[in-house]
N, C-alpha and C. Protein backbone atom coordinates (compact mmCIF):
# COMPACT_ATOMS: atom_id res chain seq x y z
N MET A 1 -21.54 1.78 3.50
CA MET A 1 -21.90 2.91 3.35
C MET A 1 -23.28 3.08 3.58
N CYS A 2 -23.71 4.12 4.08
CA CYS A 2 -25.18 4.60 4.16
C CYS A 2 -25.41 6.06 4.01
N LEU A 3 -26.63 6.44 3.54
CA LEU A 3 -26.92 7.51 3.38
C LEU A 3 -27.63 8.38 4.75
N SER A 4 -27.22 9.24 5.15
CA SER A 4 -27.62 9.96 6.40
C SER A 4 -29.24 10.45 6.04
N SER A 5 -30.26 10.04 7.13
CA SER A 5 -31.55 10.54 6.94
C SER A 5 -31.61 12.02 7.04
N GLN A 6 -30.45 12.76 7.41
CA GLN A 6 -30.60 14.29 7.03
C GLN A 6 -30.11 14.93 5.95
N VAL A 7 -30.09 14.03 5.04
CA VAL A 7 -29.51 14.57 3.57
C VAL A 7 -30.86 15.03 2.90
N LYS A 8 -30.77 16.42 2.73
CA LYS A 8 -31.70 17.01 1.96
C LYS A 8 -32.01 16.38 0.54
N LYS A 9 -33.30 16.51 0.06
CA LYS A 9 -33.78 15.91 -1.22
C LYS A 9 -32.91 16.49 -2.46
N CYS A 10 -32.63 17.83 -2.37
CA CYS A 10 -31.84 18.40 -3.40
C CYS A 10 -30.29 17.91 -3.46
N ARG A 11 -29.84 17.22 -2.41
CA ARG A 11 -28.54 16.65 -2.38
C ARG A 11 -28.55 15.08 -2.27
N GLU A 12 -29.72 14.65 -2.47
CA GLU A 12 -29.71 13.15 -2.17
C GLU A 12 -29.06 12.49 -3.48
N GLY A 13 -29.15 13.15 -4.67
CA GLY A 13 -28.83 12.43 -5.96
C GLY A 13 -27.39 12.49 -5.92
N LEU A 14 -26.76 13.73 -5.30
CA LEU A 14 -25.21 13.88 -5.47
C LEU A 14 -24.63 12.85 -4.19
N ALA A 15 -25.34 12.72 -3.30
CA ALA A 15 -24.74 11.75 -2.38
C ALA A 15 -24.70 10.31 -2.77
N TYR A 16 -25.96 9.96 -3.60
CA TYR A 16 -25.83 8.50 -4.30
C TYR A 16 -24.79 8.60 -5.41
N GLN A 17 -24.44 9.65 -6.19
CA GLN A 17 -23.57 9.63 -7.14
C GLN A 17 -21.98 9.36 -6.56
N TYR A 18 -21.88 10.05 -5.37
CA TYR A 18 -20.61 9.78 -4.83
C TYR A 18 -20.47 8.49 -4.18
N MET A 19 -21.48 7.71 -3.52
CA MET A 19 -21.21 6.49 -3.08
C MET A 19 -21.25 5.66 -4.26
N ASN A 20 -21.74 5.70 -5.34
CA ASN A 20 -21.65 4.97 -6.52
C ASN A 20 -20.14 4.99 -7.06
N TRP A 21 -19.75 6.11 -7.13
CA TRP A 21 -18.30 6.40 -7.41
C TRP A 21 -17.25 5.74 -6.52
N TRP A 22 -17.47 5.83 -5.16
CA TRP A 22 -16.56 5.37 -4.05
C TRP A 22 -16.77 3.78 -4.29
N LEU A 23 -17.72 3.23 -4.58
CA LEU A 23 -17.87 1.81 -4.88
C LEU A 23 -17.57 1.10 -6.26
N SER A 24 -17.43 2.00 -7.00
CA SER A 24 -17.05 1.81 -8.43
C SER A 24 -15.70 1.01 -8.90
N GLY A 25 -14.75 1.00 -7.75
CA GLY A 25 -13.67 0.34 -8.09
C GLY A 25 -12.36 1.01 -7.78
N TRP A 26 -12.15 2.27 -8.46
CA TRP A 26 -10.94 2.90 -8.04
C TRP A 26 -10.56 3.11 -6.62
N ALA A 27 -11.55 3.48 -5.61
CA ALA A 27 -11.29 3.75 -4.25
C ALA A 27 -10.48 2.39 -3.64
N GLY A 28 -11.05 1.37 -4.13
CA GLY A 28 -10.30 0.08 -3.44
C GLY A 28 -8.94 0.01 -3.28
N PRO A 29 -8.32 0.05 -4.41
CA PRO A 29 -6.78 0.11 -4.26
C PRO A 29 -6.20 1.04 -3.52
N PHE A 30 -6.80 2.35 -3.82
CA PHE A 30 -6.14 3.47 -2.82
C PHE A 30 -6.27 3.04 -1.45
N ILE A 31 -7.48 2.35 -1.05
CA ILE A 31 -7.71 2.09 0.42
C ILE A 31 -6.63 0.74 0.65
N ALA A 32 -6.69 -0.10 -0.07
CA ALA A 32 -5.95 -1.39 0.10
C ALA A 32 -4.54 -0.95 0.07
N ARG A 33 -3.99 -0.10 -0.34
CA ARG A 33 -2.48 0.32 -0.41
C ARG A 33 -2.22 1.01 1.12
N GLN A 34 -3.33 1.33 1.53
CA GLN A 34 -3.24 2.16 2.90
C GLN A 34 -3.35 0.93 4.12
N GLY A 35 -3.51 -0.31 3.63
CA GLY A 35 -3.87 -1.54 4.33
C GLY A 35 -5.25 -1.53 5.11
N TYR A 36 -6.21 -1.05 4.37
CA TYR A 36 -7.64 -0.98 4.70
C TYR A 36 -8.27 -1.94 3.64
N TYR A 37 -9.47 -2.31 4.04
CA TYR A 37 -10.43 -2.95 3.12
C TYR A 37 -11.44 -2.12 2.47
N ILE A 38 -12.06 -2.45 1.37
CA ILE A 38 -13.22 -1.80 0.94
C ILE A 38 -14.20 -2.83 0.73
N SER A 39 -15.56 -2.71 0.78
CA SER A 39 -16.59 -3.62 0.84
C SER A 39 -16.69 -4.38 -0.28
N ASN A 40 -16.29 -3.86 -1.47
CA ASN A 40 -16.46 -4.80 -2.66
C ASN A 40 -15.27 -4.81 -3.41
N PRO A 41 -14.25 -5.86 -2.90
CA PRO A 41 -12.85 -5.84 -3.41
C PRO A 41 -12.92 -6.41 -4.85
N ASN A 42 -13.89 -6.95 -5.40
CA ASN A 42 -14.06 -7.53 -6.82
C ASN A 42 -14.11 -6.46 -7.76
N ARG A 43 -14.49 -5.39 -7.59
CA ARG A 43 -14.65 -4.09 -8.41
C ARG A 43 -13.31 -3.38 -8.52
N SER A 44 -12.41 -3.81 -7.11
CA SER A 44 -11.02 -3.20 -7.31
C SER A 44 -9.84 -3.87 -7.94
N LYS A 45 -10.22 -5.08 -8.28
CA LYS A 45 -9.44 -6.12 -8.88
C LYS A 45 -8.71 -5.28 -10.24
N PRO A 46 -9.61 -4.95 -11.16
CA PRO A 46 -9.01 -4.46 -12.28
C PRO A 46 -8.01 -3.22 -12.20
N PHE A 47 -7.94 -2.46 -11.10
CA PHE A 47 -7.12 -1.34 -10.81
C PHE A 47 -5.78 -1.76 -9.82
N LEU A 48 -5.65 -3.06 -9.48
CA LEU A 48 -4.52 -3.66 -9.12
C LEU A 48 -3.88 -4.59 -9.71
N THR A 49 -2.54 -4.79 -9.55
CA THR A 49 -1.93 -5.85 -10.37
C THR A 49 -2.38 -7.25 -9.55
N ALA A 50 -2.06 -8.33 -10.17
CA ALA A 50 -2.40 -9.65 -9.72
C ALA A 50 -1.82 -9.68 -8.36
N GLY A 51 -0.52 -9.35 -8.36
CA GLY A 51 0.28 -9.36 -7.08
C GLY A 51 -0.26 -8.66 -5.79
N GLU A 52 -0.62 -7.35 -6.07
CA GLU A 52 -1.26 -6.65 -5.00
C GLU A 52 -2.49 -7.18 -4.63
N TYR A 53 -3.28 -7.61 -5.42
CA TYR A 53 -4.79 -7.98 -5.11
C TYR A 53 -4.48 -9.52 -4.24
N ASP A 54 -3.54 -10.22 -4.78
CA ASP A 54 -3.26 -11.57 -3.92
C ASP A 54 -2.76 -11.22 -2.58
N TYR A 55 -1.79 -10.14 -2.47
CA TYR A 55 -1.43 -9.80 -1.08
C TYR A 55 -2.63 -9.23 -0.35
N TRP A 56 -3.07 -8.02 -0.92
CA TRP A 56 -4.05 -7.34 -0.03
C TRP A 56 -5.20 -8.09 0.39
N TYR A 57 -5.81 -8.86 -0.75
CA TYR A 57 -7.08 -9.17 -0.57
C TYR A 57 -7.19 -10.95 -0.30
N LYS A 58 -6.17 -11.78 -0.36
CA LYS A 58 -5.96 -13.05 -0.62
C LYS A 58 -5.07 -13.66 0.29
N SER A 59 -4.26 -12.74 1.03
CA SER A 59 -3.40 -13.16 2.03
C SER A 59 -2.31 -13.99 1.57
N LYS A 60 -1.76 -13.70 0.40
CA LYS A 60 -0.66 -14.38 -0.31
C LYS A 60 0.55 -13.69 -0.08
N ILE A 61 1.81 -14.33 -0.36
CA ILE A 61 3.00 -13.72 -0.29
C ILE A 61 3.34 -12.54 -1.17
N ALA A 62 3.67 -11.54 -0.82
CA ALA A 62 3.93 -10.22 -1.61
C ALA A 62 4.92 -10.59 -2.62
N PRO A 63 4.73 -10.67 -4.07
CA PRO A 63 5.80 -11.19 -4.95
C PRO A 63 6.62 -10.20 -5.18
N ARG A 64 6.41 -8.96 -4.72
CA ARG A 64 7.52 -7.78 -5.08
C ARG A 64 7.23 -7.05 -4.06
N ASP A 65 8.28 -6.04 -4.01
CA ASP A 65 7.88 -4.67 -3.05
C ASP A 65 6.63 -4.03 -3.64
N LEU A 66 5.80 -3.65 -2.74
CA LEU A 66 4.43 -3.08 -3.03
C LEU A 66 4.44 -1.58 -2.51
N THR A 67 4.06 -0.81 -3.29
CA THR A 67 4.00 0.52 -2.92
C THR A 67 2.62 0.95 -2.26
N GLY A 68 2.74 2.10 -1.47
CA GLY A 68 1.61 2.74 -1.00
C GLY A 68 0.97 3.73 -1.87
N THR A 69 0.16 4.59 -1.28
CA THR A 69 -0.49 5.61 -1.98
C THR A 69 0.62 6.91 -2.23
N ASP A 70 1.67 6.88 -1.55
CA ASP A 70 2.62 7.85 -1.82
C ASP A 70 3.72 7.46 -2.62
N GLY A 71 3.57 6.11 -3.40
CA GLY A 71 4.62 5.68 -4.27
C GLY A 71 5.63 5.20 -3.61
N LYS A 72 5.97 5.34 -2.14
CA LYS A 72 6.91 4.58 -1.65
C LYS A 72 6.52 3.17 -1.12
N VAL A 73 7.75 2.34 -1.19
CA VAL A 73 7.35 1.05 -0.54
C VAL A 73 6.89 0.97 0.70
N SER A 74 5.86 0.21 0.77
CA SER A 74 5.01 0.09 2.00
C SER A 74 4.83 -1.50 2.50
N VAL A 75 5.25 -2.33 1.62
CA VAL A 75 5.35 -3.62 1.97
C VAL A 75 6.56 -4.29 1.15
N LYS A 76 7.59 -4.71 1.84
CA LYS A 76 8.55 -5.44 1.38
C LYS A 76 8.11 -6.87 0.73
N LYS A 77 8.96 -7.25 -0.43
CA LYS A 77 8.79 -8.52 -1.06
C LYS A 77 8.84 -9.73 -0.01
N GLY A 78 7.81 -10.80 0.17
CA GLY A 78 8.05 -11.79 1.08
C GLY A 78 6.92 -11.89 1.96
N PRO A 79 6.72 -10.95 2.80
CA PRO A 79 5.57 -11.13 3.82
C PRO A 79 4.04 -11.49 3.23
N VAL A 80 3.53 -12.11 4.19
CA VAL A 80 1.80 -12.69 3.87
C VAL A 80 1.15 -11.70 4.79
N ARG A 81 0.17 -11.24 4.22
CA ARG A 81 -0.85 -10.24 4.93
C ARG A 81 -1.71 -11.25 5.72
N ARG A 82 -1.95 -11.01 7.11
CA ARG A 82 -2.62 -11.74 8.07
C ARG A 82 -4.13 -11.39 7.87
N LYS A 83 -4.79 -12.46 7.47
CA LYS A 83 -6.40 -12.14 7.51
C LYS A 83 -6.85 -11.81 8.89
N LEU A 84 -7.79 -10.86 8.74
CA LEU A 84 -8.54 -10.23 10.05
C LEU A 84 -9.90 -11.14 10.42
C-alpha cells in the first residue's frame, strides 16, 4: 500500500487510518478466501482457522472444505494450493 502524493493534508490522517485498518488483520482472510494474498499474513492468522491458514499461506492440503467470502465452498477437501 502507498499513499498518493495527491492526498490533501486534511485527508492524510484518514488515509493512514484506512491503511492501518486494512493491514491490521481482518482484511487478510477476506482476501485469502478469494484466492489472493495480503502483504502481512501473520496478522491474518488469528482470523483464520489453522486449516485455512495452512492451505492459503503454507500450501498445505485443505483439511476440509473451505468456504469463500460468500459462505459457499470454494475449495474442496484435499487439494494443495500451489505457491506462486
